Amino acid sequence: MQYLHPIFMLALLAAVIHIHRLGKQTLAINPKSPEADQHDLLLQQHLKLSKLITGLIFVGLLGGIFSLVQFLQIQEIFRRTYGHGFAGAIFLGILLANMFVGKSIKNPKRAKAQENIRRFHFYLFYFSLIVALYSVISGMRVLIQGPAGL
């Protein structure tokens, strides 16, 4: 039962990477090509999956807290997990920020401003991957070595 959280979160991390690929695929569609009608459909799917996965990651964060307290008997969830608890909360925050940044890409009228927001949207994704990698490493450390001593 203690492995439910890690497996669930790894699946969600794979889904986040899929969402990123879907966004890149959407951007690659030329507005003058025959596939142009796919653009809006892919963009809606990108947004819908982003909301769903971010919500599920929130559930996973709560599940992780529950499993630490229930199964590993760790009461200081943020202090005794080698930063794993902080990484999960930061990851969720970055994904929420990225959702709002992604929605604002169409707002600017100038192409340069729009491109800057799009680039920031991608950088937030890459930063979230770094945080997720740290979360995976620190989570494995908790599972293998147990909680950190105080």
N, C-alpha and C. Protein backbone atom coordinates (compact mmCIF):
# COMPACT_ATOMS: atom_id res chain seq x y z
N MET A 1 0.82 -1.19 0.00
CA MET A 1 0.00 0.00 0.00
C MET A 1 0.86 1.26 0.00
N GLN A 2 2.05 1.18 0.60
CA GLN A 2 2.91 2.36 0.66
C GLN A 2 3.48 2.72 -0.71
N TYR A 3 3.39 1.82 -1.68
CA TYR A 3 3.90 2.09 -3.02
C TYR A 3 2.84 2.66 -3.95
N LEU A 4 1.61 2.81 -3.46
CA LEU A 4 0.54 3.36 -4.27
C LEU A 4 0.84 4.81 -4.66
N HIS A 5 1.29 5.61 -3.73
CA HIS A 5 1.62 7.02 -4.01
C HIS A 5 2.74 7.14 -5.05
N PRO A 6 3.87 6.44 -4.88
CA PRO A 6 4.93 6.59 -5.89
C PRO A 6 4.51 6.15 -7.29
N ILE A 7 3.79 5.05 -7.39
CA ILE A 7 3.36 4.56 -8.70
C ILE A 7 2.37 5.54 -9.34
N PHE A 8 1.43 6.02 -8.54
CA PHE A 8 0.44 6.98 -9.01
C PHE A 8 1.11 8.26 -9.50
N MET A 9 2.07 8.76 -8.73
CA MET A 9 2.73 10.01 -9.09
C MET A 9 3.64 9.84 -10.31
N LEU A 10 4.29 8.69 -10.46
CA LEU A 10 5.10 8.46 -11.66
C LEU A 10 4.22 8.42 -12.91
N ALA A 11 3.04 7.82 -12.78
CA ALA A 11 2.10 7.81 -13.91
C ALA A 11 1.66 9.23 -14.25
N LEU A 12 1.42 10.04 -13.23
CA LEU A 12 1.02 11.42 -13.47
C LEU A 12 2.16 12.24 -14.07
N LEU A 13 3.38 11.95 -13.66
CA LEU A 13 4.53 12.64 -14.26
C LEU A 13 4.64 12.29 -15.75
N ALA A 14 4.39 11.05 -16.09
CA ALA A 14 4.37 10.65 -17.50
C ALA A 14 3.25 11.38 -18.24
N ALA A 15 2.12 11.58 -17.57
CA ALA A 15 1.01 12.31 -18.19
C ALA A 15 1.38 13.79 -18.40
N VAL A 16 2.12 14.38 -17.47
CA VAL A 16 2.56 15.77 -17.63
C VAL A 16 3.47 15.88 -18.86
N ILE A 17 4.34 14.92 -19.04
CA ILE A 17 5.22 14.91 -20.22
C ILE A 17 4.39 14.75 -21.49
N HIS A 18 3.35 13.93 -21.43
CA HIS A 18 2.45 13.77 -22.59
C HIS A 18 1.75 15.09 -22.91
N ILE A 19 1.32 15.81 -21.89
CA ILE A 19 0.67 17.11 -22.09
C ILE A 19 1.63 18.08 -22.78
N HIS A 20 2.89 18.06 -22.36
CA HIS A 20 3.89 18.92 -22.99
C HIS A 20 4.05 18.57 -24.47
N ARG A 21 4.12 17.30 -24.76
CA ARG A 21 4.25 16.87 -26.16
C ARG A 21 3.03 17.28 -26.97
N LEU A 22 1.87 17.19 -26.37
CA LEU A 22 0.64 17.60 -27.04
C LEU A 22 0.68 19.10 -27.35
N GLY A 23 1.18 19.89 -26.42
CA GLY A 23 1.32 21.32 -26.65
C GLY A 23 2.30 21.62 -27.76
N LYS A 24 3.42 20.91 -27.78
CA LYS A 24 4.40 21.11 -28.86
C LYS A 24 3.81 20.69 -30.20
N GLN A 25 3.04 19.62 -30.21
CA GLN A 25 2.40 19.16 -31.44
C GLN A 25 1.40 20.22 -31.93
N THR A 26 0.69 20.84 -31.01
CA THR A 26 -0.26 21.89 -31.37
C THR A 26 0.45 23.07 -31.99
N LEU A 27 1.58 23.46 -31.40
CA LEU A 27 2.33 24.60 -31.93
C LEU A 27 2.93 24.31 -33.31
N ALA A 28 3.20 23.07 -33.58
CA ALA A 28 3.83 22.70 -34.84
C ALA A 28 2.87 22.74 -36.03
N ILE A 29 1.58 22.84 -35.76
CA ILE A 29 0.60 22.85 -36.85
C ILE A 29 0.62 24.21 -37.52
N ASN A 30 0.83 24.18 -38.82
CA ASN A 30 0.83 25.40 -39.63
C ASN A 30 -0.62 25.84 -39.84
N PRO A 31 -0.95 27.11 -39.52
CA PRO A 31 -2.33 27.57 -39.68
C PRO A 31 -2.86 27.49 -41.11
N LYS A 32 -1.97 27.39 -42.09
CA LYS A 32 -2.40 27.33 -43.49
C LYS A 32 -2.42 25.91 -44.04
N SER A 33 -2.10 24.95 -43.19
CA SER A 33 -2.06 23.56 -43.64
C SER A 33 -3.45 22.93 -43.55
N PRO A 34 -3.63 21.79 -44.19
CA PRO A 34 -4.92 21.10 -44.09
C PRO A 34 -5.23 20.63 -42.67
N GLU A 35 -4.21 20.53 -41.83
CA GLU A 35 -4.40 20.08 -40.44
C GLU A 35 -4.79 21.22 -39.51
N ALA A 36 -4.99 22.42 -40.03
CA ALA A 36 -5.25 23.59 -39.21
C ALA A 36 -6.49 23.42 -38.32
N ASP A 37 -7.47 22.66 -38.78
CA ASP A 37 -8.66 22.43 -37.97
C ASP A 37 -8.36 21.60 -36.72
N GLN A 38 -7.26 20.87 -36.73
CA GLN A 38 -6.84 20.07 -35.57
C GLN A 38 -6.28 20.93 -34.43
N HIS A 39 -5.81 22.13 -34.78
CA HIS A 39 -5.15 22.99 -33.80
C HIS A 39 -6.02 23.26 -32.58
N ASP A 40 -7.25 23.73 -32.81
CA ASP A 40 -8.13 24.05 -31.69
C ASP A 40 -8.51 22.81 -30.89
N LEU A 41 -8.71 21.71 -31.58
CA LEU A 41 -9.05 20.46 -30.89
C LEU A 41 -7.90 20.00 -29.99
N LEU A 42 -6.68 20.04 -30.51
CA LEU A 42 -5.51 19.65 -29.71
C LEU A 42 -5.28 20.61 -28.55
N LEU A 43 -5.52 21.89 -28.79
CA LEU A 43 -5.34 22.89 -27.73
C LEU A 43 -6.35 22.68 -26.60
N GLN A 44 -7.60 22.36 -26.97
CA GLN A 44 -8.61 22.07 -25.95
C GLN A 44 -8.26 20.81 -25.17
N GLN A 45 -7.76 19.81 -25.86
CA GLN A 45 -7.34 18.58 -25.20
C GLN A 45 -6.17 18.85 -24.26
N HIS A 46 -5.23 19.69 -24.69
CA HIS A 46 -4.09 20.09 -23.88
C HIS A 46 -4.57 20.76 -22.59
N LEU A 47 -5.49 21.68 -22.70
CA LEU A 47 -6.01 22.40 -21.53
C LEU A 47 -6.80 21.47 -20.61
N LYS A 48 -7.64 20.63 -21.20
CA LYS A 48 -8.46 19.71 -20.39
C LYS A 48 -7.58 18.73 -19.62
N LEU A 49 -6.59 18.17 -20.29
CA LEU A 49 -5.68 17.24 -19.62
C LEU A 49 -4.85 17.95 -18.54
N SER A 50 -4.46 19.19 -18.81
CA SER A 50 -3.69 19.96 -17.82
C SER A 50 -4.48 20.13 -16.53
N LYS A 51 -5.74 20.50 -16.66
CA LYS A 51 -6.59 20.67 -15.47
C LYS A 51 -6.77 19.34 -14.74
N LEU A 52 -7.05 18.29 -15.49
CA LEU A 52 -7.27 16.97 -14.88
C LEU A 52 -6.03 16.48 -14.14
N ILE A 53 -4.89 16.54 -14.80
CA ILE A 53 -3.66 16.01 -14.20
C ILE A 53 -3.23 16.86 -13.00
N THR A 54 -3.39 18.18 -13.09
CA THR A 54 -3.04 19.04 -11.95
C THR A 54 -3.93 18.71 -10.76
N GLY A 55 -5.20 18.49 -11.00
CA GLY A 55 -6.10 18.08 -9.92
C GLY A 55 -5.70 16.74 -9.32
N LEU A 56 -5.33 15.80 -10.18
CA LEU A 56 -4.89 14.49 -9.69
C LEU A 56 -3.57 14.58 -8.92
N ILE A 57 -2.70 15.51 -9.32
CA ILE A 57 -1.45 15.68 -8.58
C ILE A 57 -1.74 16.25 -7.20
N PHE A 58 -2.75 17.11 -7.09
CA PHE A 58 -3.16 17.60 -5.77
C PHE A 58 -3.64 16.43 -4.91
N VAL A 59 -4.43 15.55 -5.51
CA VAL A 59 -4.88 14.34 -4.80
C VAL A 59 -3.68 13.48 -4.41
N GLY A 60 -2.71 13.36 -5.32
CA GLY A 60 -1.50 12.58 -5.03
C GLY A 60 -0.69 13.18 -3.91
N LEU A 61 -0.62 14.51 -3.84
CA LEU A 61 0.08 15.18 -2.75
C LEU A 61 -0.59 14.86 -1.41
N LEU A 62 -1.91 14.94 -1.39
CA LEU A 62 -2.64 14.59 -0.17
C LEU A 62 -2.46 13.11 0.17
N GLY A 63 -2.47 12.25 -0.86
CA GLY A 63 -2.24 10.82 -0.64
C GLY A 63 -0.85 10.54 -0.11
N GLY A 64 0.13 11.29 -0.60
CA GLY A 64 1.50 11.13 -0.11
C GLY A 64 1.61 11.52 1.35
N ILE A 65 0.96 12.61 1.71
CA ILE A 65 0.98 13.04 3.12
C ILE A 65 0.31 11.97 3.98
N PHE A 66 -0.82 11.46 3.51
CA PHE A 66 -1.53 10.42 4.26
C PHE A 66 -0.67 9.17 4.41
N SER A 67 -0.01 8.75 3.32
CA SER A 67 0.78 7.52 3.39
C SER A 67 2.01 7.69 4.28
N LEU A 68 2.61 8.88 4.27
CA LEU A 68 3.75 9.11 5.17
C LEU A 68 3.33 9.00 6.63
N VAL A 69 2.21 9.60 6.94
CA VAL A 69 1.74 9.59 8.33
C VAL A 69 1.22 8.21 8.71
N GLN A 70 0.44 7.60 7.83
CA GLN A 70 -0.21 6.33 8.15
C GLN A 70 0.74 5.14 8.11
N PHE A 71 1.52 5.00 7.05
CA PHE A 71 2.31 3.79 6.85
C PHE A 71 3.74 3.90 7.35
N LEU A 72 4.35 5.07 7.20
CA LEU A 72 5.74 5.23 7.63
C LEU A 72 5.87 5.92 8.98
N GLN A 73 4.73 6.31 9.55
CA GLN A 73 4.69 6.93 10.89
C GLN A 73 5.55 8.19 10.97
N ILE A 74 5.58 8.97 9.91
CA ILE A 74 6.35 10.22 9.88
C ILE A 74 5.37 11.36 10.15
N GLN A 75 5.56 12.05 11.25
CA GLN A 75 4.69 13.17 11.58
C GLN A 75 5.19 14.49 11.00
N GLU A 76 6.50 14.63 10.87
CA GLU A 76 7.09 15.85 10.32
C GLU A 76 7.31 15.63 8.82
N ILE A 77 6.22 15.68 8.06
CA ILE A 77 6.27 15.24 6.66
C ILE A 77 7.19 16.08 5.79
N PHE A 78 7.36 17.34 6.10
CA PHE A 78 8.22 18.17 5.27
C PHE A 78 9.67 18.15 5.75
N ARG A 79 9.89 17.90 7.02
CA ARG A 79 11.25 17.95 7.55
C ARG A 79 11.98 16.62 7.47
N ARG A 80 11.28 15.52 7.49
CA ARG A 80 11.94 14.22 7.58
C ARG A 80 11.93 13.44 6.27
N THR A 81 11.65 14.11 5.18
CA THR A 81 11.56 13.41 3.89
C THR A 81 12.60 13.91 2.89
N TYR A 82 13.69 14.46 3.37
CA TYR A 82 14.78 14.93 2.52
C TYR A 82 14.30 15.98 1.51
N GLY A 83 13.28 16.73 1.89
CA GLY A 83 12.74 17.75 1.01
C GLY A 83 11.68 17.25 0.05
N HIS A 84 11.33 15.97 0.14
CA HIS A 84 10.36 15.39 -0.79
C HIS A 84 9.00 16.08 -0.69
N GLY A 85 8.55 16.35 0.51
CA GLY A 85 7.26 17.02 0.69
C GLY A 85 7.26 18.41 0.09
N PHE A 86 8.36 19.13 0.29
CA PHE A 86 8.47 20.47 -0.31
C PHE A 86 8.47 20.37 -1.83
N ALA A 87 9.18 19.40 -2.37
CA ALA A 87 9.28 19.25 -3.82
C ALA A 87 7.90 18.96 -4.42
N GLY A 88 7.12 18.13 -3.76
CA GLY A 88 5.77 17.85 -4.27
C GLY A 88 4.89 19.08 -4.27
N ALA A 89 4.96 19.86 -3.20
CA ALA A 89 4.16 21.09 -3.12
C ALA A 89 4.64 22.11 -4.16
N ILE A 90 5.94 22.22 -4.34
CA ILE A 90 6.48 23.15 -5.33
C ILE A 90 6.09 22.71 -6.74
N PHE A 91 6.16 21.42 -7.01
CA PHE A 91 5.77 20.88 -8.31
C PHE A 91 4.32 21.25 -8.62
N LEU A 92 3.44 21.06 -7.65
CA LEU A 92 2.04 21.41 -7.84
C LEU A 92 1.89 22.90 -8.10
N GLY A 93 2.61 23.72 -7.35
CA GLY A 93 2.55 25.16 -7.55
C GLY A 93 3.01 25.59 -8.93
N ILE A 94 4.08 24.97 -9.41
CA ILE A 94 4.59 25.30 -10.75
C ILE A 94 3.57 24.90 -11.82
N LEU A 95 2.95 23.75 -11.64
CA LEU A 95 1.95 23.32 -12.62
C LEU A 95 0.75 24.26 -12.63
N LEU A 96 0.33 24.72 -11.45
CA LEU A 96 -0.77 25.69 -11.39
C LEU A 96 -0.38 26.99 -12.07
N ALA A 97 0.83 27.47 -11.78
CA ALA A 97 1.31 28.70 -12.43
C ALA A 97 1.38 28.51 -13.93
N ASN A 98 1.83 27.35 -14.36
CA ASN A 98 1.96 27.08 -15.78
C ASN A 98 0.60 27.05 -16.48
N MET A 99 -0.43 26.59 -15.78
CA MET A 99 -1.77 26.61 -16.35
C MET A 99 -2.22 28.05 -16.61
N PHE A 100 -1.97 28.94 -15.65
CA PHE A 100 -2.37 30.33 -15.82
C PHE A 100 -1.54 31.03 -16.90
N VAL A 101 -0.27 30.73 -16.96
CA VAL A 101 0.58 31.30 -18.01
C VAL A 101 0.13 30.79 -19.38
N GLY A 102 -0.19 29.52 -19.46
CA GLY A 102 -0.63 28.95 -20.73
C GLY A 102 -1.92 29.60 -21.23
N LYS A 103 -2.84 29.89 -20.30
CA LYS A 103 -4.09 30.54 -20.70
C LYS A 103 -3.86 31.96 -21.20
N SER A 104 -2.80 32.60 -20.74
CA SER A 104 -2.57 34.00 -21.11
C SER A 104 -1.75 34.15 -22.39
N ILE A 105 -1.37 33.07 -23.03
CA ILE A 105 -0.55 33.16 -24.24
C ILE A 105 -1.27 33.93 -25.35
N LYS A 106 -2.55 33.76 -25.48
CA LYS A 106 -3.29 34.43 -26.56
C LYS A 106 -3.61 35.90 -26.27
N ASN A 107 -3.45 36.35 -25.03
CA ASN A 107 -3.84 37.71 -24.65
C ASN A 107 -3.03 38.80 -25.34
N PRO A 108 -1.71 38.74 -25.35
CA PRO A 108 -0.96 39.85 -25.95
C PRO A 108 -1.22 39.97 -27.46
N LYS A 109 -1.29 41.21 -27.91
CA LYS A 109 -1.54 41.47 -29.33
C LYS A 109 -0.26 41.37 -30.16
N ARG A 110 0.85 41.70 -29.57
CA ARG A 110 2.12 41.66 -30.30
C ARG A 110 2.69 40.25 -30.32
N ALA A 111 3.23 39.88 -31.46
CA ALA A 111 3.77 38.54 -31.64
C ALA A 111 4.96 38.29 -30.71
N LYS A 112 5.79 39.31 -30.49
CA LYS A 112 6.98 39.17 -29.64
C LYS A 112 6.57 38.88 -28.19
N ALA A 113 5.57 39.61 -27.69
CA ALA A 113 5.09 39.38 -26.32
C ALA A 113 4.48 37.99 -26.20
N GLN A 114 3.75 37.60 -27.21
CA GLN A 114 3.14 36.27 -27.20
C GLN A 114 4.21 35.18 -27.20
N GLU A 115 5.25 35.38 -27.98
CA GLU A 115 6.35 34.42 -28.04
C GLU A 115 7.09 34.35 -26.70
N ASN A 116 7.26 35.49 -26.04
CA ASN A 116 7.92 35.51 -24.73
C ASN A 116 7.11 34.73 -23.69
N ILE A 117 5.81 34.91 -23.71
CA ILE A 117 4.96 34.16 -22.76
C ILE A 117 5.01 32.67 -23.08
N ARG A 118 4.99 32.33 -24.36
CA ARG A 118 5.06 30.92 -24.76
C ARG A 118 6.38 30.31 -24.30
N ARG A 119 7.47 31.05 -24.45
CA ARG A 119 8.79 30.57 -24.03
C ARG A 119 8.82 30.39 -22.50
N PHE A 120 8.25 31.34 -21.77
CA PHE A 120 8.19 31.23 -20.31
C PHE A 120 7.36 30.01 -19.91
N HIS A 121 6.29 29.75 -20.65
CA HIS A 121 5.45 28.58 -20.42
C HIS A 121 6.28 27.30 -20.53
N PHE A 122 7.15 27.23 -21.54
CA PHE A 122 8.02 26.07 -21.72
C PHE A 122 9.08 26.00 -20.61
N TYR A 123 9.65 27.15 -20.24
CA TYR A 123 10.66 27.14 -19.18
C TYR A 123 10.06 26.68 -17.85
N LEU A 124 8.83 27.08 -17.57
CA LEU A 124 8.18 26.59 -16.36
C LEU A 124 8.03 25.08 -16.39
N PHE A 125 7.70 24.55 -17.55
CA PHE A 125 7.59 23.10 -17.68
C PHE A 125 8.93 22.43 -17.38
N TYR A 126 10.01 22.95 -17.97
CA TYR A 126 11.33 22.34 -17.74
C TYR A 126 11.74 22.46 -16.28
N PHE A 127 11.41 23.59 -15.65
CA PHE A 127 11.71 23.74 -14.22
C PHE A 127 10.89 22.73 -13.41
N SER A 128 9.65 22.50 -13.80
CA SER A 128 8.83 21.52 -13.09
C SER A 128 9.42 20.12 -13.23
N LEU A 129 10.05 19.82 -14.36
CA LEU A 129 10.70 18.52 -14.52
C LEU A 129 11.89 18.37 -13.58
N ILE A 130 12.64 19.45 -13.38
CA ILE A 130 13.77 19.41 -12.44
C ILE A 130 13.27 19.15 -11.03
N VAL A 131 12.20 19.85 -10.65
CA VAL A 131 11.63 19.65 -9.31
C VAL A 131 11.08 18.22 -9.19
N ALA A 132 10.44 17.73 -10.25
CA ALA A 132 9.90 16.37 -10.23
C ALA A 132 11.02 15.34 -10.11
N LEU A 133 12.13 15.58 -10.79
CA LEU A 133 13.27 14.66 -10.68
C LEU A 133 13.79 14.63 -9.25
N TYR A 134 13.92 15.79 -8.62
CA TYR A 134 14.34 15.82 -7.22
C TYR A 134 13.32 15.09 -6.35
N SER A 135 12.04 15.28 -6.65
CA SER A 135 11.00 14.62 -5.88
C SER A 135 11.10 13.10 -6.00
N VAL A 136 11.38 12.61 -7.20
CA VAL A 136 11.53 11.16 -7.41
C VAL A 136 12.73 10.64 -6.62
N ILE A 137 13.85 11.35 -6.70
CA ILE A 137 15.06 10.91 -6.00
C ILE A 137 14.86 10.93 -4.50
N SER A 138 14.30 12.02 -3.98
CA SER A 138 14.11 12.10 -2.52
C SER A 138 13.04 11.12 -2.05
N GLY A 139 12.02 10.87 -2.87
CA GLY A 139 11.01 9.88 -2.51
C GLY A 139 11.57 8.48 -2.46
N MET A 140 12.46 8.15 -3.42
CA MET A 140 13.12 6.84 -3.38
C MET A 140 13.99 6.72 -2.14
N ARG A 141 14.63 7.81 -1.77
CA ARG A 141 15.48 7.78 -0.58
C ARG A 141 14.66 7.51 0.67
N VAL A 142 13.47 8.12 0.74
CA VAL A 142 12.59 7.86 1.89
C VAL A 142 12.17 6.41 1.92
N LEU A 143 11.82 5.85 0.76
CA LEU A 143 11.39 4.46 0.71
C LEU A 143 12.51 3.48 1.03
N ILE A 144 13.72 3.79 0.56
CA ILE A 144 14.84 2.87 0.74
C ILE A 144 15.50 3.03 2.11
N GLN A 145 15.81 4.27 2.49
CA GLN A 145 16.56 4.52 3.74
C GLN A 145 15.65 4.82 4.92
N GLY A 146 14.40 5.14 4.66
CA GLY A 146 13.51 5.55 5.73
C GLY A 146 13.61 7.05 5.96
N PRO A 147 12.85 7.55 6.89
CA PRO A 147 12.84 9.00 7.13
C PRO A 147 14.17 9.51 7.68
N ALA A 148 14.42 10.78 7.43
CA ALA A 148 15.64 11.41 7.94
C ALA A 148 15.53 11.56 9.46
N GLY A 149 16.65 11.45 10.12
CA GLY A 149 16.67 11.67 11.57
C GLY A 149 16.68 13.15 11.89
N LEU A 150 16.23 13.48 13.06
CA LEU A 150 16.23 14.90 13.46
C LEU A 150 17.34 15.21 14.39
